[in-house]
Amino acid sequence: MNRFLLPVVIMTVPFAAHANCDCVCVNGHVEQLCDSSYDMPTICAAQICPIAPPTLAPLAPAVIPPIGTSSCWMDRIYNSITGQYEWTMVCQ
């Protein structure tokens, strides 16, 4: 019974896990940010982003880029809940 169940579980695991791509305002313009480098890109609808006020970037913590990315940096992402830009680590 276990020999039959194991291949079924292995075959369904890649389909059960999923990540997400979102269109967000980054420093005053729309960009697509994905949870994983393997995600399928989506088409971003035209939208107007609030103007990002000038600020100094915080010191970026030393991080090893996740698998599938080559670099990480701090960038300002608009949070629609708070109505403000927030510094966030972005990897590509």
PDB file of N, CA and C in Angstrom:
ATOM      1  N   MET A   1       0.824  -1.201   0.000  1.00  0.00           N
ATOM      2  CA  MET A   1       0.000   0.000   0.000  1.00  0.00           C
ATOM      3  C   MET A   1       0.862   1.257   0.000  1.00  0.00           C
ATOM      4  N   ASN A   2       1.935   1.275   0.777  1.00  0.00           N
ATOM      5  CA  ASN A   2       2.792   2.451   0.838  1.00  0.00           C
ATOM      6  C   ASN A   2       3.516   2.705  -0.469  1.00  0.00           C
ATOM      7  N   ARG A   3       3.853   1.636  -1.217  1.00  0.00           N
ATOM      8  CA  ARG A   3       4.523   1.831  -2.501  1.00  0.00           C
ATOM      9  C   ARG A   3       3.606   2.559  -3.474  1.00  0.00           C
ATOM     10  N   PHE A   4       2.326   2.370  -3.402  1.00  0.00           N
ATOM     11  CA  PHE A   4       1.383   3.048  -4.279  1.00  0.00           C
ATOM     12  C   PHE A   4       1.169   4.504  -3.847  1.00  0.00           C
ATOM     13  N   LEU A   5       1.087   4.746  -2.566  1.00  0.00           N
ATOM     14  CA  LEU A   5       0.786   6.071  -2.041  1.00  0.00           C
ATOM     15  C   LEU A   5       1.939   7.054  -2.228  1.00  0.00           C
ATOM     16  N   LEU A   6       3.176   6.612  -2.077  1.00  0.00           N
ATOM     17  CA  LEU A   6       4.330   7.492  -2.184  1.00  0.00           C
ATOM     18  C   LEU A   6       4.430   8.182  -3.546  1.00  0.00           C
ATOM     19  N   PRO A   7       4.313   7.480  -4.697  1.00  0.00           N
ATOM     20  CA  PRO A   7       4.369   8.194  -5.987  1.00  0.00           C
ATOM     21  C   PRO A   7       3.239   9.203  -6.159  1.00  0.00           C
ATOM     22  N   VAL A   8       2.080   8.911  -5.610  1.00  0.00           N
ATOM     23  CA  VAL A   8       0.956   9.842  -5.720  1.00  0.00           C
ATOM     24  C   VAL A   8       1.266  11.118  -4.960  1.00  0.00           C
ATOM     25  N   VAL A   9       1.846  10.996  -3.765  1.00  0.00           N
ATOM     26  CA  VAL A   9       2.199  12.168  -2.968  1.00  0.00           C
ATOM     27  C   VAL A   9       3.291  12.960  -3.666  1.00  0.00           C
ATOM     28  N   ILE A  10       4.301  12.287  -4.185  1.00  0.00           N
ATOM     29  CA  ILE A  10       5.395  12.970  -4.865  1.00  0.00           C
ATOM     30  C   ILE A  10       4.891  13.701  -6.099  1.00  0.00           C
ATOM     31  N   MET A  11       3.964  13.131  -6.838  1.00  0.00           N
ATOM     32  CA  MET A  11       3.438  13.771  -8.042  1.00  0.00           C
ATOM     33  C   MET A  11       2.580  14.993  -7.713  1.00  0.00           C
ATOM     34  N   THR A  12       1.944  15.033  -6.570  1.00  0.00           N
ATOM     35  CA  THR A  12       1.060  16.155  -6.242  1.00  0.00           C
ATOM     36  C   THR A  12       1.766  17.289  -5.527  1.00  0.00           C
ATOM     37  N   VAL A  13       2.939  17.066  -4.960  1.00  0.00           N
ATOM     38  CA  VAL A  13       3.630  18.104  -4.207  1.00  0.00           C
ATOM     39  C   VAL A  13       3.933  19.330  -5.052  1.00  0.00           C
ATOM     40  N   PRO A  14       4.499  19.214  -6.281  1.00  0.00           N
ATOM     41  CA  PRO A  14       4.778  20.431  -7.045  1.00  0.00           C
ATOM     42  C   PRO A  14       3.530  21.249  -7.357  1.00  0.00           C
ATOM     43  N   PHE A  15       2.393  20.598  -7.464  1.00  0.00           N
ATOM     44  CA  PHE A  15       1.167  21.325  -7.785  1.00  0.00           C
ATOM     45  C   PHE A  15       0.545  21.953  -6.545  1.00  0.00           C
ATOM     46  N   ALA A  16       0.833  21.415  -5.377  1.00  0.00           N
ATOM     47  CA  ALA A  16       0.247  21.943  -4.151  1.00  0.00           C
ATOM     48  C   ALA A  16       0.950  23.232  -3.720  1.00  0.00           C
ATOM     49  N   ALA A  17       2.241  23.316  -3.963  1.00  0.00           N
ATOM     50  CA  ALA A  17       2.975  24.520  -3.581  1.00  0.00           C
ATOM     51  C   ALA A  17       2.826  25.567  -4.669  1.00  0.00           C
ATOM     52  N   HIS A  18       2.555  26.788  -4.285  1.00  0.00           N
ATOM     53  CA  HIS A  18       2.470  27.859  -5.273  1.00  0.00           C
ATOM     54  C   HIS A  18       2.948  29.154  -4.642  1.00  0.00           C
ATOM     55  N   ALA A  19       3.404  30.028  -5.465  1.00  0.00           N
ATOM     56  CA  ALA A  19       3.843  31.341  -5.001  1.00  0.00           C
ATOM     57  C   ALA A  19       3.010  32.383  -5.739  1.00  0.00           C
ATOM     58  N   ASN A  20       3.407  33.624  -5.603  1.00  0.00           N
ATOM     59  CA  ASN A  20       2.549  34.672  -6.108  1.00  0.00           C
ATOM     60  C   ASN A  20       3.365  35.807  -6.703  1.00  0.00           C
ATOM     61  N   CYS A  21       2.840  36.403  -7.766  1.00  0.00           N
ATOM     62  CA  CYS A  21       3.414  37.624  -8.331  1.00  0.00           C
ATOM     63  C   CYS A  21       2.381  38.733  -8.154  1.00  0.00           C
ATOM     64  N   ASP A  22       2.836  39.893  -7.686  1.00  0.00           N
ATOM     65  CA  ASP A  22       1.944  41.027  -7.481  1.00  0.00           C
ATOM     66  C   ASP A  22       2.510  42.260  -8.159  1.00  0.00           C
ATOM     67  N   CYS A  23       1.638  43.111  -8.634  1.00  0.00           N
ATOM     68  CA  CYS A  23       2.027  44.400  -9.190  1.00  0.00           C
ATOM     69  C   CYS A  23       1.930  45.416  -8.056  1.00  0.00           C
ATOM     70  N   VAL A  24       3.063  46.026  -7.711  1.00  0.00           N
ATOM     71  CA  VAL A  24       3.110  46.970  -6.591  1.00  0.00           C
ATOM     72  C   VAL A  24       3.828  48.246  -7.012  1.00  0.00           C
ATOM     73  N   CYS A  25       3.629  49.285  -6.247  1.00  0.00           N
ATOM     74  CA  CYS A  25       4.323  50.549  -6.494  1.00  0.00           C
ATOM     75  C   CYS A  25       5.677  50.507  -5.805  1.00  0.00           C
ATOM     76  N   VAL A  26       6.733  50.695  -6.593  1.00  0.00           N
ATOM     77  CA  VAL A  26       8.101  50.715  -6.088  1.00  0.00           C
ATOM     78  C   VAL A  26       8.704  52.055  -6.471  1.00  0.00           C
ATOM     79  N   ASN A  27       9.022  52.863  -5.469  1.00  0.00           N
ATOM     80  CA  ASN A  27       9.609  54.187  -5.702  1.00  0.00           C
ATOM     81  C   ASN A  27       8.814  55.025  -6.706  1.00  0.00           C
ATOM     82  N   GLY A  28       7.504  54.925  -6.666  1.00  0.00           N
ATOM     83  CA  GLY A  28       6.657  55.781  -7.495  1.00  0.00           C
ATOM     84  C   GLY A  28       6.259  55.218  -8.840  1.00  0.00           C
ATOM     85  N   HIS A  29       6.666  53.976  -9.173  1.00  0.00           N
ATOM     86  CA  HIS A  29       6.238  53.383 -10.444  1.00  0.00           C
ATOM     87  C   HIS A  29       5.879  51.911 -10.226  1.00  0.00           C
ATOM     88  N   VAL A  30       5.058  51.359 -11.121  1.00  0.00           N
ATOM     89  CA  VAL A  30       4.562  49.992 -10.969  1.00  0.00           C
ATOM     90  C   VAL A  30       5.626  48.991 -11.397  1.00  0.00           C
ATOM     91  N   GLU A  31       5.854  47.994 -10.548  1.00  0.00           N
ATOM     92  CA  GLU A  31       6.745  46.888 -10.856  1.00  0.00           C
ATOM     93  C   GLU A  31       6.091  45.600 -10.400  1.00  0.00           C
ATOM     94  N   GLN A  32       6.516  44.518 -11.009  1.00  0.00           N
ATOM     95  CA  GLN A  32       6.008  43.206 -10.630  1.00  0.00           C
ATOM     96  C   GLN A  32       6.997  42.548  -9.673  1.00  0.00           C
ATOM     97  N   LEU A  33       6.532  42.137  -8.511  1.00  0.00           N
ATOM     98  CA  LEU A  33       7.360  41.425  -7.540  1.00  0.00           C
ATOM     99  C   LEU A  33       6.766  40.044  -7.324  1.00  0.00           C
ATOM    100  N   CYS A  34       7.619  39.029  -7.396  1.00  0.00           N
ATOM    101  CA  CYS A  34       7.180  37.641  -7.241  1.00  0.00           C
ATOM    102  C   CYS A  34       7.792  37.025  -5.993  1.00  0.00           C
ATOM    103  N   ASP A  35       7.094  36.052  -5.425  1.00  0.00           N
ATOM    104  CA  ASP A  35       7.598  35.335  -4.260  1.00  0.00           C
ATOM    105  C   ASP A  35       8.782  34.447  -4.630  1.00  0.00           C
ATOM    106  N   SER A  36       8.817  33.973  -5.865  1.00  0.00           N
ATOM    107  CA  SER A  36       9.858  33.048  -6.302  1.00  0.00           C
ATOM    108  C   SER A  36      10.282  33.388  -7.719  1.00  0.00           C
ATOM    109  N   SER A  37      11.529  33.077  -8.058  1.00  0.00           N
ATOM    110  CA  SER A  37      12.012  33.341  -9.412  1.00  0.00           C
ATOM    111  C   SER A  37      11.388  32.376 -10.418  1.00  0.00           C
ATOM    112  N   TYR A  38      10.714  31.346  -9.944  1.00  0.00           N
ATOM    113  CA  TYR A  38      10.082  30.370 -10.826  1.00  0.00           C
ATOM    114  C   TYR A  38       8.621  30.684 -11.121  1.00  0.00           C
ATOM    115  N   ASP A  39       8.083  31.758 -10.558  1.00  0.00           N
ATOM    116  CA  ASP A  39       6.681  32.131 -10.775  1.00  0.00           C
ATOM    117  C   ASP A  39       6.465  32.648 -12.184  1.00  0.00           C
ATOM    118  N   MET A  40       5.266  32.421 -12.703  1.00  0.00           N
ATOM    119  CA  MET A  40       4.892  32.963 -14.002  1.00  0.00           C
ATOM    120  C   MET A  40       4.535  34.436 -13.836  1.00  0.00           C
ATOM    121  N   PRO A  41       5.156  35.318 -14.613  1.00  0.00           N
ATOM    122  CA  PRO A  41       4.839  36.741 -14.507  1.00  0.00           C
ATOM    123  C   PRO A  41       3.391  37.034 -14.909  1.00  0.00           C
ATOM    124  N   THR A  42       2.835  38.046 -14.306  1.00  0.00           N
ATOM    125  CA  THR A  42       1.490  38.490 -14.661  1.00  0.00           C
ATOM    126  C   THR A  42       1.604  39.831 -15.384  1.00  0.00           C
ATOM    127  N   ILE A  43       0.541  40.236 -16.027  1.00  0.00           N
ATOM    128  CA  ILE A  43       0.521  41.530 -16.707  1.00  0.00           C
ATOM    129  C   ILE A  43      -0.013  42.563 -15.731  1.00  0.00           C
ATOM    130  N   CYS A  44       0.757  43.610 -15.517  1.00  0.00           N
ATOM    131  CA  CYS A  44       0.341  44.655 -14.583  1.00  0.00           C
ATOM    132  C   CYS A  44      -0.575  45.651 -15.290  1.00  0.00           C
ATOM    133  N   ALA A  45      -1.715  45.917 -14.679  1.00  0.00           N
ATOM    134  CA  ALA A  45      -2.633  46.919 -15.208  1.00  0.00           C
ATOM    135  C   ALA A  45      -2.053  48.306 -14.975  1.00  0.00           C
ATOM    136  N   ALA A  46      -2.393  49.218 -15.850  1.00  0.00           N
ATOM    137  CA  ALA A  46      -1.914  50.602 -15.692  1.00  0.00           C
ATOM    138  C   ALA A  46      -2.506  51.185 -14.409  1.00  0.00           C
ATOM    139  N   GLN A  47      -1.652  51.769 -13.607  1.00  0.00           N
ATOM    140  CA  GLN A  47      -2.120  52.416 -12.382  1.00  0.00           C
ATOM    141  C   GLN A  47      -1.185  53.563 -12.047  1.00  0.00           C
ATOM    142  N   ILE A  48      -1.706  54.500 -11.300  1.00  0.00           N
ATOM    143  CA  ILE A  48      -0.918  55.652 -10.881  1.00  0.00           C
ATOM    144  C   ILE A  48      -0.457  55.412  -9.454  1.00  0.00           C
ATOM    145  N   CYS A  49       0.846  55.505  -9.245  1.00  0.00           N
ATOM    146  CA  CYS A  49       1.416  55.315  -7.912  1.00  0.00           C
ATOM    147  C   CYS A  49       1.603  56.664  -7.232  1.00  0.00           C
ATOM    148  N   PRO A  50       1.436  56.694  -5.919  1.00  0.00           N
ATOM    149  CA  PRO A  50       1.726  57.933  -5.178  1.00  0.00           C
ATOM    150  C   PRO A  50       3.206  58.289  -5.347  1.00  0.00           C
ATOM    151  N   ILE A  51       3.505  59.547  -5.291  1.00  0.00           N
ATOM    152  CA  ILE A  51       4.886  60.000  -5.398  1.00  0.00           C
ATOM    153  C   ILE A  51       5.627  59.588  -4.134  1.00  0.00           C
ATOM    154  N   ALA A  52       6.792  58.996  -4.333  1.00  0.00           N
ATOM    155  CA  ALA A  52       7.600  58.556  -3.200  1.00  0.00           C
ATOM    156  C   ALA A  52       8.416  59.731  -2.669  1.00  0.00           C
ATOM    157  N   PRO A  53       8.223  60.103  -1.408  1.00  0.00           N
ATOM    158  CA  PRO A  53       9.006  61.206  -0.851  1.00  0.00           C
ATOM    159  C   PRO A  53      10.472  60.805  -0.726  1.00  0.00           C
ATOM    160  N   PRO A  54      11.382  61.763  -0.846  1.00  0.00           N
ATOM    161  CA  PRO A  54      12.806  61.425  -0.737  1.00  0.00           C
ATOM    162  C   PRO A  54      13.171  61.013   0.686  1.00  0.00           C
ATOM    163  N   THR A  55      13.885  59.920   0.799  1.00  0.00           N
ATOM    164  CA  THR A  55      14.377  59.447   2.093  1.00  0.00           C
ATOM    165  C   THR A  55      15.726  58.766   1.881  1.00  0.00           C
ATOM    166  N   LEU A  56      16.444  58.585   2.954  1.00  0.00           N
ATOM    167  CA  LEU A  56      17.701  57.856   2.896  1.00  0.00           C
ATOM    168  C   LEU A  56      17.431  56.376   3.133  1.00  0.00           C
ATOM    169  N   ALA A  57      18.085  55.539   2.351  1.00  0.00           N
ATOM    170  CA  ALA A  57      17.905  54.096   2.500  1.00  0.00           C
ATOM    171  C   ALA A  57      18.540  53.616   3.798  1.00  0.00           C
ATOM    172  N   PRO A  58      17.881  52.690   4.493  1.00  0.00           N
ATOM    173  CA  PRO A  58      18.497  52.126   5.692  1.00  0.00           C
ATOM    174  C   PRO A  58      19.646  51.207   5.280  1.00  0.00           C
ATOM    175  N   LEU A  59      20.517  50.900   6.215  1.00  0.00           N
ATOM    176  CA  LEU A  59      21.604  49.972   5.920  1.00  0.00           C
ATOM    177  C   LEU A  59      21.017  48.597   5.638  1.00  0.00           C
ATOM    178  N   ALA A  60      21.394  48.027   4.509  1.00  0.00           N
ATOM    179  CA  ALA A  60      20.885  46.706   4.128  1.00  0.00           C
ATOM    180  C   ALA A  60      21.624  45.630   4.912  1.00  0.00           C
ATOM    181  N   PRO A  61      20.897  44.697   5.503  1.00  0.00           N
ATOM    182  CA  PRO A  61      21.572  43.607   6.207  1.00  0.00           C
ATOM    183  C   PRO A  61      22.280  42.696   5.202  1.00  0.00           C
ATOM    184  N   ALA A  62      23.362  42.085   5.618  1.00  0.00           N
ATOM    185  CA  ALA A  62      24.083  41.161   4.746  1.00  0.00           C
ATOM    186  C   ALA A  62      23.253  39.884   4.609  1.00  0.00           C
ATOM    187  N   VAL A  63      22.856  39.573   3.392  1.00  0.00           N
ATOM    188  CA  VAL A  63      22.052  38.375   3.146  1.00  0.00           C
ATOM    189  C   VAL A  63      22.629  37.609   1.969  1.00  0.00           C
ATOM    190  N   ILE A  64      22.411  36.317   1.978  1.00  0.00           N
ATOM    191  CA  ILE A  64      22.744  35.491   0.831  1.00  0.00           C
ATOM    192  C   ILE A  64      21.491  35.433  -0.025  1.00  0.00           C
ATOM    193  N   PRO A  65      21.583  35.812  -1.309  1.00  0.00           N
ATOM    194  CA  PRO A  65      20.388  35.805  -2.148  1.00  0.00           C
ATOM    195  C   PRO A  65      19.757  34.408  -2.209  1.00  0.00           C
ATOM    196  N   PRO A  66      18.422  34.325  -2.195  1.00  0.00           N
ATOM    197  CA  PRO A  66      17.738  33.031  -2.293  1.00  0.00           C
ATOM    198  C   PRO A  66      18.070  32.330  -3.615  1.00  0.00           C
ATOM    199  N   ILE A  67      17.843  31.037  -3.667  1.00  0.00           N
ATOM    200  CA  ILE A  67      18.090  30.255  -4.880  1.00  0.00           C
ATOM    201  C   ILE A  67      17.286  30.843  -6.036  1.00  0.00           C
ATOM    202  N   GLY A  68      17.937  31.011  -7.170  1.00  0.00           N
ATOM    203  CA  GLY A  68      17.279  31.559  -8.353  1.00  0.00           C
ATOM    204  C   GLY A  68      17.432  33.063  -8.476  1.00  0.00           C
ATOM    205  N   THR A  69      18.064  33.713  -7.504  1.00  0.00           N
ATOM    206  CA  THR A  69      18.298  35.150  -7.558  1.00  0.00           C
ATOM    207  C   THR A  69      19.801  35.412  -7.478  1.00  0.00           C
ATOM    208  N   SER A  70      20.205  36.599  -7.906  1.00  0.00           N
ATOM    209  CA  SER A  70      21.640  36.905  -7.886  1.00  0.00           C
ATOM    210  C   SER A  70      21.986  38.086  -6.976  1.00  0.00           C
ATOM    211  N   SER A  71      21.001  38.916  -6.648  1.00  0.00           N
ATOM    212  CA  SER A  71      21.297  40.066  -5.801  1.00  0.00           C
ATOM    213  C   SER A  71      20.063  40.503  -5.014  1.00  0.00           C
ATOM    214  N   CYS A  72      20.315  41.164  -3.902  1.00  0.00           N
ATOM    215  CA  CYS A  72      19.237  41.709  -3.061  1.00  0.00           C
ATOM    216  C   CYS A  72      19.580  43.150  -2.701  1.00  0.00           C
ATOM    217  N   TRP A  73      18.569  43.985  -2.514  1.00  0.00           N
ATOM    218  CA  TRP A  73      18.759  45.378  -2.139  1.00  0.00           C
ATOM    219  C   TRP A  73      17.515  45.862  -1.411  1.00  0.00           C
ATOM    220  N   MET A  74      17.643  46.997  -0.740  1.00  0.00           N
ATOM    221  CA  MET A  74      16.512  47.621  -0.054  1.00  0.00           C
ATOM    222  C   MET A  74      15.811  48.555  -1.037  1.00  0.00           C
ATOM    223  N   ASP A  75      14.490  48.493  -1.079  1.00  0.00           N
ATOM    224  CA  ASP A  75      13.711  49.360  -1.960  1.00  0.00           C
ATOM    225  C   ASP A  75      12.432  49.758  -1.244  1.00  0.00           C
ATOM    226  N   ARG A  76      11.827  50.863  -1.676  1.00  0.00           N
ATOM    227  CA  ARG A  76      10.596  51.340  -1.051  1.00  0.00           C
ATOM    228  C   ARG A  76       9.390  50.774  -1.778  1.00  0.00           C
ATOM    229  N   ILE A  77       8.562  50.030  -1.057  1.00  0.00           N
ATOM    230  CA  ILE A  77       7.355  49.405  -1.588  1.00  0.00           C
ATOM    231  C   ILE A  77       6.161  50.083  -0.934  1.00  0.00           C
ATOM    232  N   TYR A  78       5.164  50.458  -1.754  1.00  0.00           N
ATOM    233  CA  TYR A  78       3.976  51.143  -1.241  1.00  0.00           C
ATOM    234  C   TYR A  78       3.067  50.149  -0.532  1.00  0.00           C
ATOM    235  N   ASN A  79       2.692  50.452   0.698  1.00  0.00           N
ATOM    236  CA  ASN A  79       1.776  49.638   1.479  1.00  0.00           C
ATOM    237  C   ASN A  79       0.408  50.314   1.419  1.00  0.00           C
ATOM    238  N   SER A  80      -0.529  49.691   0.702  1.00  0.00           N
ATOM    239  CA  SER A  80      -1.851  50.312   0.527  1.00  0.00           C
ATOM    240  C   SER A  80      -2.645  50.359   1.831  1.00  0.00           C
ATOM    241  N   ILE A  81      -2.292  49.541   2.800  1.00  0.00           N
ATOM    242  CA  ILE A  81      -3.003  49.547   4.084  1.00  0.00           C
ATOM    243  C   ILE A  81      -2.613  50.776   4.908  1.00  0.00           C
ATOM    244  N   THR A  82      -1.304  51.061   4.980  1.00  0.00           N
ATOM    245  CA  THR A  82      -0.856  52.207   5.768  1.00  0.00           C
ATOM    246  C   THR A  82      -0.830  53.495   4.946  1.00  0.00           C
ATOM    247  N   GLY A  83      -0.842  53.354   3.595  1.00  0.00           N
ATOM    248  CA  GLY A  83      -0.789  54.530   2.733  1.00  0.00           C
ATOM    249  C   GLY A  83       0.592  55.158   2.673  1.00  0.00           C
ATOM    250  N   GLN A  84       1.629  54.361   2.965  1.00  0.00           N
ATOM    251  CA  GLN A  84       2.992  54.876   2.978  1.00  0.00           C
ATOM    252  C   GLN A  84       3.941  53.892   2.291  1.00  0.00           C
ATOM    253  N   TYR A  85       5.087  54.427   1.833  1.00  0.00           N
ATOM    254  CA  TYR A  85       6.140  53.575   1.314  1.00  0.00           C
ATOM    255  C   TYR A  85       6.932  53.017   2.487  1.00  0.00           C
ATOM    256  N   GLU A  86       7.312  51.740   2.385  1.00  0.00           N
ATOM    257  CA  GLU A  86       8.083  51.084   3.434  1.00  0.00           C
ATOM    258  C   GLU A  86       9.314  50.444   2.812  1.00  0.00           C
ATOM    259  N   TRP A  87      10.436  50.543   3.503  1.00  0.00           N
ATOM    260  CA  TRP A  87      11.668  49.918   3.012  1.00  0.00           C
ATOM    261  C   TRP A  87      11.553  48.405   3.174  1.00  0.00           C
ATOM    262  N   THR A  88      11.816  47.679   2.077  1.00  0.00           N
ATOM    263  CA  THR A  88      11.682  46.227   2.043  1.00  0.00           C
ATOM    264  C   THR A  88      12.856  45.626   1.277  1.00  0.00           C
ATOM    265  N   MET A  89      13.313  44.451   1.681  1.00  0.00           N
ATOM    266  CA  MET A  89      14.371  43.740   0.971  1.00  0.00           C
ATOM    267  C   MET A  89      13.764  43.123  -0.294  1.00  0.00           C
ATOM    268  N   VAL A  90      14.371  43.423  -1.453  1.00  0.00           N
ATOM    269  CA  VAL A  90      13.916  42.907  -2.744  1.00  0.00           C
ATOM    270  C   VAL A  90      15.073  42.136  -3.364  1.00  0.00           C
ATOM    271  N   CYS A  91      14.802  40.929  -3.870  1.00  0.00           N
ATOM    272  CA  CYS A  91      15.838  40.113  -4.506  1.00  0.00           C
ATOM    273  C   CYS A  91      15.450  39.823  -5.954  1.00  0.00           C
ATOM    274  N   GLN A  92      16.475  39.780  -6.814  1.00  0.00           N
ATOM    275  CA  GLN A  92      16.209  39.490  -8.226  1.00  0.00           C
ATOM    276  C   GLN A  92      17.287  38.585  -8.753  1.00  0.00           C
TER     277      GLN A  92
END
